[in-house]
Amino acid sequence: MAELNTQYRMADDLAKISNVISYNGKLLAATREVAERSLHLPHPPPPTMPAWLRAATDPGPGRRVVMLDTSDVGVLAFEREGAGKPTNAFERAVVLDVLRGLVARGAAPGDCAVLSPYNAQV
């Protein structure tokens, strides 16, 4: 079995989770350009954008990964059984808000990705 040691798609920050969990730190970006790839957002956030969404869509220098903690929301952020698997309507709404926010700031929809380390969340 061949082990993947070079990847061509993700900035190092984004590949870090799978690199640590699955590749013992051996997975490397093919080029420096891939390792440092970042989303360019040409538009400032709209003045009506909530502060949390403004922060979540701020690419900032070297800021390629954003984790949003929904634990403070309480019971609304808990998973519920639906269609035979857990669902989370609140987190789904947050993800959609972030995607809409990125598009409002000029990101092409094809430049955005939503990743989950858990298959059940996909």
PDB file of N, CA and C in Angstrom:
ATOM      1  N   MET A   1       0.838  -1.177   0.000  1.00  0.00           N
ATOM      2  CA  MET A   1       0.000   0.000   0.000  1.00  0.00           C
ATOM      3  C   MET A   1       0.884   1.241   0.000  1.00  0.00           C
ATOM      4  N   ALA A   2       0.601   2.168  -0.905  1.00  0.00           N
ATOM      5  CA  ALA A   2       1.367   3.414  -0.997  1.00  0.00           C
ATOM      6  C   ALA A   2       0.823   4.430  -0.008  1.00  0.00           C
ATOM      7  N   GLU A   3       1.716   5.157   0.627  1.00  0.00           N
ATOM      8  CA  GLU A   3       1.315   6.187   1.581  1.00  0.00           C
ATOM      9  C   GLU A   3       1.416   7.558   0.921  1.00  0.00           C
ATOM     10  N   LEU A   4       0.348   8.334   1.037  1.00  0.00           N
ATOM     11  CA  LEU A   4       0.351   9.687   0.498  1.00  0.00           C
ATOM     12  C   LEU A   4       1.323  10.535   1.304  1.00  0.00           C
ATOM     13  N   ASN A   5       2.247  11.213   0.626  1.00  0.00           N
ATOM     14  CA  ASN A   5       3.166  12.092   1.343  1.00  0.00           C
ATOM     15  C   ASN A   5       3.219  13.493   0.745  1.00  0.00           C
ATOM     16  N   THR A   6       2.542  13.701  -0.375  1.00  0.00           N
ATOM     17  CA  THR A   6       2.499  15.014  -1.025  1.00  0.00           C
ATOM     18  C   THR A   6       1.056  15.325  -1.397  1.00  0.00           C
ATOM     19  N   GLN A   7       0.621  16.540  -1.060  1.00  0.00           N
ATOM     20  CA  GLN A   7      -0.729  16.944  -1.432  1.00  0.00           C
ATOM     21  C   GLN A   7      -0.645  18.265  -2.196  1.00  0.00           C
ATOM     22  N   TYR A   8      -1.572  18.443  -3.117  1.00  0.00           N
ATOM     23  CA  TYR A   8      -1.536  19.557  -4.061  1.00  0.00           C
ATOM     24  C   TYR A   8      -2.693  20.534  -3.904  1.00  0.00           C
ATOM     25  N   ARG A   9      -3.579  20.338  -2.917  1.00  0.00           N
ATOM     26  CA  ARG A   9      -4.812  21.111  -2.886  1.00  0.00           C
ATOM     27  C   ARG A   9      -4.955  22.084  -1.725  1.00  0.00           C
ATOM     28  N   MET A  10      -4.345  21.820  -0.579  1.00  0.00           N
ATOM     29  CA  MET A  10      -4.658  22.606   0.611  1.00  0.00           C
ATOM     30  C   MET A  10      -3.445  23.326   1.185  1.00  0.00           C
ATOM     31  N   ALA A  11      -3.711  24.527   1.699  1.00  0.00           N
ATOM     32  CA  ALA A  11      -2.688  25.235   2.460  1.00  0.00           C
ATOM     33  C   ALA A  11      -2.323  24.385   3.677  1.00  0.00           C
ATOM     34  N   ASP A  12      -1.112  24.565   4.168  1.00  0.00           N
ATOM     35  CA  ASP A  12      -0.646  23.765   5.300  1.00  0.00           C
ATOM     36  C   ASP A  12      -1.584  23.844   6.498  1.00  0.00           C
ATOM     37  N   ASP A  13      -2.108  25.050   6.784  1.00  0.00           N
ATOM     38  CA  ASP A  13      -3.005  25.215   7.933  1.00  0.00           C
ATOM     39  C   ASP A  13      -4.225  24.318   7.799  1.00  0.00           C
ATOM     40  N   LEU A  14      -4.747  24.214   6.604  1.00  0.00           N
ATOM     41  CA  LEU A  14      -5.945  23.427   6.347  1.00  0.00           C
ATOM     42  C   LEU A  14      -5.646  21.926   6.371  1.00  0.00           C
ATOM     43  N   ALA A  15      -4.501  21.553   5.873  1.00  0.00           N
ATOM     44  CA  ALA A  15      -4.122  20.135   5.831  1.00  0.00           C
ATOM     45  C   ALA A  15      -3.634  19.625   7.184  1.00  0.00           C
ATOM     46  N   LYS A  16      -3.422  20.530   8.131  1.00  0.00           N
ATOM     47  CA  LYS A  16      -2.815  20.153   9.406  1.00  0.00           C
ATOM     48  C   LYS A  16      -3.606  19.080  10.156  1.00  0.00           C
ATOM     49  N   ILE A  17      -4.931  19.188  10.186  1.00  0.00           N
ATOM     50  CA  ILE A  17      -5.732  18.215  10.936  1.00  0.00           C
ATOM     51  C   ILE A  17      -5.509  16.806  10.394  1.00  0.00           C
ATOM     52  N   SER A  18      -5.693  16.634   9.086  1.00  0.00           N
ATOM     53  CA  SER A  18      -5.505  15.286   8.526  1.00  0.00           C
ATOM     54  C   SER A  18      -4.041  14.865   8.598  1.00  0.00           C
ATOM     55  N   ASN A  19      -3.132  15.811   8.492  1.00  0.00           N
ATOM     56  CA  ASN A  19      -1.708  15.488   8.565  1.00  0.00           C
ATOM     57  C   ASN A  19      -1.362  14.903   9.935  1.00  0.00           C
ATOM     58  N   VAL A  20      -1.881  15.514  10.983  1.00  0.00           N
ATOM     59  CA  VAL A  20      -1.590  15.033  12.339  1.00  0.00           C
ATOM     60  C   VAL A  20      -2.317  13.721  12.621  1.00  0.00           C
ATOM     61  N   ILE A  21      -3.613  13.656  12.275  1.00  0.00           N
ATOM     62  CA  ILE A  21      -4.427  12.488  12.604  1.00  0.00           C
ATOM     63  C   ILE A  21      -4.051  11.261  11.772  1.00  0.00           C
ATOM     64  N   SER A  22      -3.853  11.451  10.477  1.00  0.00           N
ATOM     65  CA  SER A  22      -3.698  10.296   9.585  1.00  0.00           C
ATOM     66  C   SER A  22      -2.297  10.054   9.050  1.00  0.00           C
ATOM     67  N   TYR A  23      -1.472  11.092   9.018  1.00  0.00           N
ATOM     68  CA  TYR A  23      -0.174  10.950   8.336  1.00  0.00           C
ATOM     69  C   TYR A  23       1.036  11.151   9.240  1.00  0.00           C
ATOM     70  N   ASN A  24       0.815  11.258  10.544  1.00  0.00           N
ATOM     71  CA  ASN A  24       1.918  11.427  11.499  1.00  0.00           C
ATOM     72  C   ASN A  24       2.857  12.561  11.121  1.00  0.00           C
ATOM     73  N   GLY A  25       2.301  13.641  10.554  1.00  0.00           N
ATOM     74  CA  GLY A  25       3.100  14.815  10.216  1.00  0.00           C
ATOM     75  C   GLY A  25       3.939  14.675   8.959  1.00  0.00           C
ATOM     76  N   LYS A  26       3.763  13.607   8.193  1.00  0.00           N
ATOM     77  CA  LYS A  26       4.589  13.360   7.008  1.00  0.00           C
ATOM     78  C   LYS A  26       4.021  13.943   5.719  1.00  0.00           C
ATOM     79  N   LEU A  27       2.771  14.419   5.760  1.00  0.00           N
ATOM     80  CA  LEU A  27       2.129  14.951   4.558  1.00  0.00           C
ATOM     81  C   LEU A  27       2.627  16.375   4.294  1.00  0.00           C
ATOM     82  N   LEU A  28       3.153  16.603   3.105  1.00  0.00           N
ATOM     83  CA  LEU A  28       3.705  17.912   2.747  1.00  0.00           C
ATOM     84  C   LEU A  28       2.991  18.479   1.530  1.00  0.00           C
ATOM     85  N   ALA A  29       2.910  19.797   1.493  1.00  0.00           N
ATOM     86  CA  ALA A  29       2.371  20.463   0.307  1.00  0.00           C
ATOM     87  C   ALA A  29       3.376  20.319  -0.822  1.00  0.00           C
ATOM     88  N   ALA A  30       2.875  20.183  -2.039  1.00  0.00           N
ATOM     89  CA  ALA A  30       3.740  19.971  -3.194  1.00  0.00           C
ATOM     90  C   ALA A  30       4.662  21.156  -3.443  1.00  0.00           C
ATOM     91  N   THR A  31       4.159  22.371  -3.231  1.00  0.00           N
ATOM     92  CA  THR A  31       4.958  23.578  -3.479  1.00  0.00           C
ATOM     93  C   THR A  31       4.697  24.591  -2.377  1.00  0.00           C
ATOM     94  N   ARG A  32       5.545  25.579  -2.304  1.00  0.00           N
ATOM     95  CA  ARG A  32       5.349  26.670  -1.341  1.00  0.00           C
ATOM     96  C   ARG A  32       4.046  27.412  -1.649  1.00  0.00           C
ATOM     97  N   GLU A  33       3.725  27.551  -2.947  1.00  0.00           N
ATOM     98  CA  GLU A  33       2.487  28.220  -3.351  1.00  0.00           C
ATOM     99  C   GLU A  33       1.268  27.487  -2.787  1.00  0.00           C
ATOM    100  N   VAL A  34       1.275  26.172  -2.861  1.00  0.00           N
ATOM    101  CA  VAL A  34       0.167  25.386  -2.297  1.00  0.00           C
ATOM    102  C   VAL A  34       0.145  25.550  -0.776  1.00  0.00           C
ATOM    103  N   ALA A  35       1.286  25.453  -0.137  1.00  0.00           N
ATOM    104  CA  ALA A  35       1.379  25.544   1.326  1.00  0.00           C
ATOM    105  C   ALA A  35       0.847  26.872   1.853  1.00  0.00           C
ATOM    106  N   GLU A  36       1.015  27.946   1.083  1.00  0.00           N
ATOM    107  CA  GLU A  36       0.632  29.285   1.543  1.00  0.00           C
ATOM    108  C   GLU A  36      -0.632  29.808   0.869  1.00  0.00           C
ATOM    109  N   ARG A  37      -1.316  28.959   0.126  1.00  0.00           N
ATOM    110  CA  ARG A  37      -2.530  29.366  -0.586  1.00  0.00           C
ATOM    111  C   ARG A  37      -3.525  29.996   0.389  1.00  0.00           C
ATOM    112  N   SER A  38      -4.175  31.073  -0.071  1.00  0.00           N
ATOM    113  CA  SER A  38      -5.137  31.760   0.783  1.00  0.00           C
ATOM    114  C   SER A  38      -6.264  32.339  -0.062  1.00  0.00           C
ATOM    115  N   LEU A  39      -7.420  32.457   0.533  1.00  0.00           N
ATOM    116  CA  LEU A  39      -8.577  33.025  -0.136  1.00  0.00           C
ATOM    117  C   LEU A  39      -8.452  34.548  -0.174  1.00  0.00           C
ATOM    118  N   HIS A  40      -8.683  35.127  -1.333  1.00  0.00           N
ATOM    119  CA  HIS A  40      -8.660  36.583  -1.478  1.00  0.00           C
ATOM    120  C   HIS A  40     -10.092  37.086  -1.507  1.00  0.00           C
ATOM    121  N   LEU A  41     -10.407  37.989  -0.601  1.00  0.00           N
ATOM    122  CA  LEU A  41     -11.748  38.579  -0.550  1.00  0.00           C
ATOM    123  C   LEU A  41     -11.633  40.059  -0.905  1.00  0.00           C
ATOM    124  N   PRO A  42     -12.081  40.437  -2.116  1.00  0.00           N
ATOM    125  CA  PRO A  42     -11.872  41.799  -2.590  1.00  0.00           C
ATOM    126  C   PRO A  42     -12.785  42.858  -1.964  1.00  0.00           C
ATOM    127  N   HIS A  43     -13.873  42.437  -1.331  1.00  0.00           N
ATOM    128  CA  HIS A  43     -14.812  43.414  -0.788  1.00  0.00           C
ATOM    129  C   HIS A  43     -14.768  43.441   0.734  1.00  0.00           C
ATOM    130  N   PRO A  44     -14.929  44.622   1.317  1.00  0.00           N
ATOM    131  CA  PRO A  44     -15.023  44.687   2.780  1.00  0.00           C
ATOM    132  C   PRO A  44     -16.368  44.104   3.229  1.00  0.00           C
ATOM    133  N   PRO A  45     -16.482  43.769   4.499  1.00  0.00           N
ATOM    134  CA  PRO A  45     -17.764  43.246   4.961  1.00  0.00           C
ATOM    135  C   PRO A  45     -18.841  44.328   4.877  1.00  0.00           C
ATOM    136  N   PRO A  46     -20.057  43.957   4.505  1.00  0.00           N
ATOM    137  CA  PRO A  46     -21.142  44.938   4.490  1.00  0.00           C
ATOM    138  C   PRO A  46     -21.354  45.498   5.898  1.00  0.00           C
ATOM    139  N   PRO A  47     -21.760  46.756   6.015  1.00  0.00           N
ATOM    140  CA  PRO A  47     -21.931  47.368   7.345  1.00  0.00           C
ATOM    141  C   PRO A  47     -22.967  46.641   8.203  1.00  0.00           C
ATOM    142  N   THR A  48     -23.892  45.937   7.591  1.00  0.00           N
ATOM    143  CA  THR A  48     -24.927  45.236   8.349  1.00  0.00           C
ATOM    144  C   THR A  48     -24.496  43.844   8.801  1.00  0.00           C
ATOM    145  N   MET A  49     -23.293  43.414   8.420  1.00  0.00           N
ATOM    146  CA  MET A  49     -22.830  42.073   8.777  1.00  0.00           C
ATOM    147  C   MET A  49     -22.570  42.006  10.283  1.00  0.00           C
ATOM    148  N   PRO A  50     -23.132  40.993  10.968  1.00  0.00           N
ATOM    149  CA  PRO A  50     -22.894  40.859  12.414  1.00  0.00           C
ATOM    150  C   PRO A  50     -21.404  40.697  12.724  1.00  0.00           C
ATOM    151  N   ALA A  51     -21.006  41.126  13.907  1.00  0.00           N
ATOM    152  CA  ALA A  51     -19.585  41.096  14.295  1.00  0.00           C
ATOM    153  C   ALA A  51     -18.996  39.697  14.216  1.00  0.00           C
ATOM    154  N   TRP A  52     -19.738  38.666  14.657  1.00  0.00           N
ATOM    155  CA  TRP A  52     -19.189  37.308  14.631  1.00  0.00           C
ATOM    156  C   TRP A  52     -18.913  36.855  13.197  1.00  0.00           C
ATOM    157  N   LEU A  53     -19.796  37.267  12.262  1.00  0.00           N
ATOM    158  CA  LEU A  53     -19.637  36.875  10.863  1.00  0.00           C
ATOM    159  C   LEU A  53     -18.523  37.684  10.209  1.00  0.00           C
ATOM    160  N   ARG A  54     -18.393  38.922  10.603  1.00  0.00           N
ATOM    161  CA  ARG A  54     -17.294  39.767  10.130  1.00  0.00           C
ATOM    162  C   ARG A  54     -15.957  39.109  10.505  1.00  0.00           C
ATOM    163  N   ALA A  55     -15.865  38.641  11.741  1.00  0.00           N
ATOM    164  CA  ALA A  55     -14.630  37.980  12.206  1.00  0.00           C
ATOM    165  C   ALA A  55     -14.410  36.651  11.480  1.00  0.00           C
ATOM    166  N   ALA A  56     -15.486  35.897  11.276  1.00  0.00           N
ATOM    167  CA  ALA A  56     -15.365  34.584  10.632  1.00  0.00           C
ATOM    168  C   ALA A  56     -14.970  34.695   9.166  1.00  0.00           C
ATOM    169  N   THR A  57     -15.280  35.809   8.528  1.00  0.00           N
ATOM    170  CA  THR A  57     -14.958  35.971   7.105  1.00  0.00           C
ATOM    171  C   THR A  57     -13.760  36.890   6.885  1.00  0.00           C
ATOM    172  N   ASP A  58     -13.013  37.168   7.941  1.00  0.00           N
ATOM    173  CA  ASP A  58     -11.825  38.018   7.823  1.00  0.00           C
ATOM    174  C   ASP A  58     -10.622  37.145   7.505  1.00  0.00           C
ATOM    175  N   PRO A  59     -10.121  37.198   6.255  1.00  0.00           N
ATOM    176  CA  PRO A  59      -9.010  36.310   5.908  1.00  0.00           C
ATOM    177  C   PRO A  59      -7.714  36.678   6.617  1.00  0.00           C
ATOM    178  N   GLY A  60      -7.525  37.951   6.968  1.00  0.00           N
ATOM    179  CA  GLY A  60      -6.316  38.354   7.677  1.00  0.00           C
ATOM    180  C   GLY A  60      -5.064  37.670   7.160  1.00  0.00           C
ATOM    181  N   PRO A  61      -3.910  38.207   7.450  1.00  0.00           N
ATOM    182  CA  PRO A  61      -2.666  37.591   6.983  1.00  0.00           C
ATOM    183  C   PRO A  61      -2.470  36.197   7.593  1.00  0.00           C
ATOM    184  N   GLY A  62      -2.331  35.212   6.732  1.00  0.00           N
ATOM    185  CA  GLY A  62      -2.053  33.851   7.187  1.00  0.00           C
ATOM    186  C   GLY A  62      -3.215  33.175   7.902  1.00  0.00           C
ATOM    187  N   ARG A  63      -4.383  33.728   7.817  1.00  0.00           N
ATOM    188  CA  ARG A  63      -5.555  33.144   8.509  1.00  0.00           C
ATOM    189  C   ARG A  63      -6.360  32.346   7.500  1.00  0.00           C
ATOM    190  N   ARG A  64      -6.133  31.034   7.479  1.00  0.00           N
ATOM    191  CA  ARG A  64      -6.761  30.192   6.475  1.00  0.00           C
ATOM    192  C   ARG A  64      -7.826  29.263   7.042  1.00  0.00           C
ATOM    193  N   VAL A  65      -7.834  29.082   8.344  1.00  0.00           N
ATOM    194  CA  VAL A  65      -8.775  28.175   8.988  1.00  0.00           C
ATOM    195  C   VAL A  65      -9.507  28.941  10.081  1.00  0.00           C
ATOM    196  N   VAL A  66     -10.827  28.766  10.137  1.00  0.00           N
ATOM    197  CA  VAL A  66     -11.629  29.405  11.173  1.00  0.00           C
ATOM    198  C   VAL A  66     -12.441  28.322  11.870  1.00  0.00           C
ATOM    199  N   MET A  67     -12.326  28.268  13.170  1.00  0.00           N
ATOM    200  CA  MET A  67     -13.141  27.352  13.973  1.00  0.00           C
ATOM    201  C   MET A  67     -14.141  28.217  14.737  1.00  0.00           C
ATOM    202  N   LEU A  68     -15.398  27.827  14.698  1.00  0.00           N
ATOM    203  CA  LEU A  68     -16.441  28.555  15.410  1.00  0.00           C
ATOM    204  C   LEU A  68     -16.987  27.676  16.531  1.00  0.00           C
ATOM    205  N   ASP A  69     -16.926  28.179  17.739  1.00  0.00           N
ATOM    206  CA  ASP A  69     -17.406  27.456  18.910  1.00  0.00           C
ATOM    207  C   ASP A  69     -18.868  27.824  19.147  1.00  0.00           C
ATOM    208  N   THR A  70     -19.750  26.851  19.031  1.00  0.00           N
ATOM    209  CA  THR A  70     -21.179  27.113  19.230  1.00  0.00           C
ATOM    210  C   THR A  70     -21.659  26.620  20.595  1.00  0.00           C
ATOM    211  N   SER A  71     -20.749  26.219  21.454  1.00  0.00           N
ATOM    212  CA  SER A  71     -21.157  25.641  22.736  1.00  0.00           C
ATOM    213  C   SER A  71     -21.907  26.634  23.626  1.00  0.00           C
ATOM    214  N   ASP A  72     -21.613  27.924  23.507  1.00  0.00           N
ATOM    215  CA  ASP A  72     -22.300  28.928  24.331  1.00  0.00           C
ATOM    216  C   ASP A  72     -23.767  29.090  23.959  1.00  0.00           C
ATOM    217  N   VAL A  73     -24.172  28.589  22.814  1.00  0.00           N
ATOM    218  CA  VAL A  73     -25.551  28.728  22.362  1.00  0.00           C
ATOM    219  C   VAL A  73     -26.483  27.854  23.198  1.00  0.00           C
ATOM    220  N   GLY A  74     -25.949  26.780  23.743  1.00  0.00           N
ATOM    221  CA  GLY A  74     -26.755  25.894  24.569  1.00  0.00           C
ATOM    222  C   GLY A  74     -27.480  24.843  23.761  1.00  0.00           C
ATOM    223  N   VAL A  75     -28.681  24.513  24.175  1.00  0.00           N
ATOM    224  CA  VAL A  75     -29.429  23.399  23.618  1.00  0.00           C
ATOM    225  C   VAL A  75     -29.694  23.551  22.118  1.00  0.00           C
ATOM    226  N   LEU A  76     -29.765  24.774  21.609  1.00  0.00           N
ATOM    227  CA  LEU A  76     -29.981  24.972  20.173  1.00  0.00           C
ATOM    228  C   LEU A  76     -28.862  24.384  19.324  1.00  0.00           C
ATOM    229  N   ALA A  77     -27.660  24.313  19.887  1.00  0.00           N
ATOM    230  CA  ALA A  77     -26.512  23.825  19.126  1.00  0.00           C
ATOM    231  C   ALA A  77     -26.311  22.313  19.249  1.00  0.00           C
ATOM    232  N   PHE A  78     -27.195  21.626  19.946  1.00  0.00           N
ATOM    233  CA  PHE A  78     -27.066  20.174  20.104  1.00  0.00           C
ATOM    234  C   PHE A  78     -27.596  19.451  18.872  1.00  0.00           C
ATOM    235  N   GLU A  79     -27.006  18.281  18.608  1.00  0.00           N
ATOM    236  CA  GLU A  79     -27.490  17.439  17.524  1.00  0.00           C
ATOM    237  C   GLU A  79     -28.834  16.839  17.904  1.00  0.00           C
ATOM    238  N   ARG A  80     -29.632  16.571  16.878  1.00  0.00           N
ATOM    239  CA  ARG A  80     -30.912  15.893  17.071  1.00  0.00           C
ATOM    240  C   ARG A  80     -30.993  14.739  16.074  1.00  0.00           C
ATOM    241  N   GLU A  81     -31.724  13.701  16.442  1.00  0.00           N
ATOM    242  CA  GLU A  81     -31.916  12.581  15.515  1.00  0.00           C
ATOM    243  C   GLU A  81     -32.846  13.027  14.397  1.00  0.00           C
ATOM    244  N   GLY A  82     -32.449  12.732  13.182  1.00  0.00           N
ATOM    245  CA  GLY A  82     -33.285  13.071  12.047  1.00  0.00           C
ATOM    246  C   GLY A  82     -32.909  12.229  10.851  1.00  0.00           C
ATOM    247  N   ALA A  83     -33.860  11.616  10.232  1.00  0.00           N
ATOM    248  CA  ALA A  83     -33.633  10.795   9.037  1.00  0.00           C
ATOM    249  C   ALA A  83     -32.580   9.722   9.286  1.00  0.00           C
ATOM    250  N   GLY A  84     -32.593   9.156  10.499  1.00  0.00           N
ATOM    251  CA  GLY A  84     -31.691   8.052  10.796  1.00  0.00           C
ATOM    252  C   GLY A  84     -30.280   8.444  11.173  1.00  0.00           C
ATOM    253  N   LYS A  85     -29.977   9.737  11.212  1.00  0.00           N
ATOM    254  CA  LYS A  85     -28.645  10.162  11.656  1.00  0.00           C
ATOM    255  C   LYS A  85     -28.768  11.511  12.355  1.00  0.00           C
ATOM    256  N   PRO A  86     -27.773  11.852  13.171  1.00  0.00           N
ATOM    257  CA  PRO A  86     -27.851  13.133  13.888  1.00  0.00           C
ATOM    258  C   PRO A  86     -27.802  14.312  12.915  1.00  0.00           C
ATOM    259  N   THR A  87     -28.583  15.321  13.196  1.00  0.00           N
ATOM    260  CA  THR A  87     -28.544  16.550  12.402  1.00  0.00           C
ATOM    261  C   THR A  87     -28.398  17.726  13.358  1.00  0.00           C
ATOM    262  N   ASN A  88     -27.930  18.827  12.835  1.00  0.00           N
ATOM    263  CA  ASN A  88     -27.762  20.017  13.655  1.00  0.00           C
ATOM    264  C   ASN A  88     -28.157  21.226  12.810  1.00  0.00           C
ATOM    265  N   ALA A  89     -29.410  21.630  12.919  1.00  0.00           N
ATOM    266  CA  ALA A  89     -29.940  22.736  12.124  1.00  0.00           C
ATOM    267  C   ALA A  89     -29.228  24.044  12.453  1.00  0.00           C
ATOM    268  N   PHE A  90     -28.855  24.244  13.715  1.00  0.00           N
ATOM    269  CA  PHE A  90     -28.182  25.486  14.096  1.00  0.00           C
ATOM    270  C   PHE A  90     -26.826  25.588  13.415  1.00  0.00           C
ATOM    271  N   GLU A  91     -26.023  24.546  13.512  1.00  0.00           N
ATOM    272  CA  GLU A  91     -24.699  24.581  12.888  1.00  0.00           C
ATOM    273  C   GLU A  91     -24.802  24.673  11.371  1.00  0.00           C
ATOM    274  N   ARG A  92     -25.789  24.013  10.790  1.00  0.00           N
ATOM    275  CA  ARG A  92     -26.003  24.123   9.342  1.00  0.00           C
ATOM    276  C   ARG A  92     -26.296  25.579   8.970  1.00  0.00           C
ATOM    277  N   ALA A  93     -27.113  26.263   9.765  1.00  0.00           N
ATOM    278  CA  ALA A  93     -27.429  27.673   9.504  1.00  0.00           C
ATOM    279  C   ALA A  93     -26.187  28.552   9.640  1.00  0.00           C
ATOM    280  N   VAL A  94     -25.335  28.252  10.610  1.00  0.00           N
ATOM    281  CA  VAL A  94     -24.094  29.019  10.788  1.00  0.00           C
ATOM    282  C   VAL A  94     -23.190  28.838   9.567  1.00  0.00           C
ATOM    283  N   VAL A  95     -23.051  27.602   9.107  1.00  0.00           N
ATOM    284  CA  VAL A  95     -22.217  27.329   7.931  1.00  0.00           C
ATOM    285  C   VAL A  95     -22.757  28.080   6.715  1.00  0.00           C
ATOM    286  N   LEU A  96     -24.061  28.053   6.515  1.00  0.00           N
ATOM    287  CA  LEU A  96     -24.661  28.779   5.382  1.00  0.00           C
ATOM    288  C   LEU A  96     -24.442  30.280   5.514  1.00  0.00           C
ATOM    289  N   ASP A  97     -24.548  30.818   6.737  1.00  0.00           N
ATOM    290  CA  ASP A  97     -24.284  32.250   6.953  1.00  0.00           C
ATOM    291  C   ASP A  97     -22.841  32.597   6.582  1.00  0.00           C
ATOM    292  N   VAL A  98     -21.902  31.756   6.989  1.00  0.00           N
ATOM    293  CA  VAL A  98     -20.490  32.008   6.676  1.00  0.00           C
ATOM    294  C   VAL A  98     -20.270  31.954   5.167  1.00  0.00           C
ATOM    295  N   LEU A  99     -20.825  30.950   4.502  1.00  0.00           N
ATOM    296  CA  LEU A  99     -20.676  30.862   3.048  1.00  0.00           C
ATOM    297  C   LEU A  99     -21.277  32.086   2.363  1.00  0.00           C
ATOM    298  N   ARG A 100     -22.458  32.501   2.785  1.00  0.00           N
ATOM    299  CA  ARG A 100     -23.072  33.716   2.210  1.00  0.00           C
ATOM    300  C   ARG A 100     -22.211  34.941   2.492  1.00  0.00           C
ATOM    301  N   GLY A 101     -21.632  35.003   3.685  1.00  0.00           N
ATOM    302  CA  GLY A 101     -20.748  36.112   4.032  1.00  0.00           C
ATOM    303  C   GLY A 101     -19.510  36.155   3.158  1.00  0.00           C
ATOM    304  N   LEU A 102     -18.922  35.001   2.887  1.00  0.00           N
ATOM    305  CA  LEU A 102     -17.743  34.939   2.013  1.00  0.00           C
ATOM    306  C   LEU A 102     -18.101  35.390   0.601  1.00  0.00           C
ATOM    307  N   VAL A 103     -19.245  34.950   0.102  1.00  0.00           N
ATOM    308  CA  VAL A 103     -19.684  35.350  -1.237  1.00  0.00           C
ATOM    309  C   VAL A 103     -19.971  36.855  -1.264  1.00  0.00           C
ATOM    310  N   ALA A 104     -20.572  37.383  -0.201  1.00  0.00           N
ATOM    311  CA  ALA A 104     -20.831  38.831  -0.126  1.00  0.00           C
ATOM    312  C   ALA A 104     -19.539  39.632  -0.147  1.00  0.00           C
ATOM    313  N   ARG A 105     -18.455  39.035   0.319  1.00  0.00           N
ATOM    314  CA  ARG A 105     -17.155  39.710   0.329  1.00  0.00           C
ATOM    315  C   ARG A 105     -16.364  39.443  -0.944  1.00  0.00           C
ATOM    316  N   GLY A 106     -16.984  38.742  -1.913  1.00  0.00           N
ATOM    317  CA  GLY A 106     -16.363  38.575  -3.213  1.00  0.00           C
ATOM    318  C   GLY A 106     -15.774  37.217  -3.510  1.00  0.00           C
ATOM    319  N   ALA A 107     -15.928  36.251  -2.622  1.00  0.00           N
ATOM    320  CA  ALA A 107     -15.423  34.904  -2.905  1.00  0.00           C
ATOM    321  C   ALA A 107     -16.316  34.230  -3.925  1.00  0.00           C
ATOM    322  N   ALA A 108     -15.716  33.532  -4.851  1.00  0.00           N
ATOM    323  CA  ALA A 108     -16.492  32.718  -5.787  1.00  0.00           C
ATOM    324  C   ALA A 108     -16.962  31.476  -5.038  1.00  0.00           C
ATOM    325  N   PRO A 109     -18.211  31.054  -5.227  1.00  0.00           N
ATOM    326  CA  PRO A 109     -18.689  29.864  -4.510  1.00  0.00           C
ATOM    327  C   PRO A 109     -17.774  28.650  -4.676  1.00  0.00           C
ATOM    328  N   GLY A 110     -17.155  28.491  -5.824  1.00  0.00           N
ATOM    329  CA  GLY A 110     -16.250  27.367  -6.046  1.00  0.00           C
ATOM    330  C   GLY A 110     -14.944  27.469  -5.282  1.00  0.00           C
ATOM    331  N   ASP A 111     -14.669  28.635  -4.694  1.00  0.00           N
ATOM    332  CA  ASP A 111     -13.450  28.817  -3.905  1.00  0.00           C
ATOM    333  C   ASP A 111     -13.656  28.490  -2.428  1.00  0.00           C
ATOM    334  N   CYS A 112     -14.874  28.160  -2.052  1.00  0.00           N
ATOM    335  CA  CYS A 112     -15.207  27.899  -0.654  1.00  0.00           C
ATOM    336  C   CYS A 112     -15.392  26.401  -0.438  1.00  0.00           C
ATOM    337  N   ALA A 113     -14.940  25.938   0.711  1.00  0.00           N
ATOM    338  CA  ALA A 113     -15.113  24.523   1.055  1.00  0.00           C
ATOM    339  C   ALA A 113     -15.530  24.420   2.507  1.00  0.00           C
ATOM    340  N   VAL A 114     -16.367  23.473   2.791  1.00  0.00           N
ATOM    341  CA  VAL A 114     -16.762  23.168   4.163  1.00  0.00           C
ATOM    342  C   VAL A 114     -16.257  21.772   4.447  1.00  0.00           C
ATOM    343  N   LEU A 115     -15.429  21.652   5.460  1.00  0.00           N
ATOM    344  CA  LEU A 115     -14.830  20.365   5.800  1.00  0.00           C
ATOM    345  C   LEU A 115     -15.287  19.932   7.179  1.00  0.00           C
ATOM    346  N   SER A 116     -15.393  18.647   7.366  1.00  0.00           N
ATOM    347  CA  SER A 116     -15.729  18.095   8.667  1.00  0.00           C
ATOM    348  C   SER A 116     -14.861  16.875   8.916  1.00  0.00           C
ATOM    349  N   PRO A 117     -14.276  16.792  10.104  1.00  0.00           N
ATOM    350  CA  PRO A 117     -13.496  15.591  10.401  1.00  0.00           C
ATOM    351  C   PRO A 117     -14.384  14.389  10.710  1.00  0.00           C
ATOM    352  N   TYR A 118     -15.693  14.612  10.833  1.00  0.00           N
ATOM    353  CA  TYR A 118     -16.613  13.539  11.177  1.00  0.00           C
ATOM    354  C   TYR A 118     -17.562  13.262  10.032  1.00  0.00           C
ATOM    355  N   ASN A 119     -17.584  12.044   9.570  1.00  0.00           N
ATOM    356  CA  ASN A 119     -18.434  11.645   8.452  1.00  0.00           C
ATOM    357  C   ASN A 119     -19.906  11.938   8.728  1.00  0.00           C
ATOM    358  N   ALA A 120     -20.350  11.759   9.969  1.00  0.00           N
ATOM    359  CA  ALA A 120     -21.753  11.969  10.314  1.00  0.00           C
ATOM    360  C   ALA A 120     -22.175  13.433  10.171  1.00  0.00           C
ATOM    361  N   GLN A 121     -21.213  14.358  10.193  1.00  0.00           N
ATOM    362  CA  GLN A 121     -21.547  15.776  10.064  1.00  0.00           C
ATOM    363  C   GLN A 121     -21.660  16.223   8.616  1.00  0.00           C
ATOM    364  N   VAL A 122     -21.196  15.424   7.700  1.00  0.00           N
ATOM    365  CA  VAL A 122     -21.196  15.830   6.301  1.00  0.00           C
ATOM    366  C   VAL A 122     -22.560  15.893   5.793  1.00  0.00           C
TER     367      VAL A 122
END
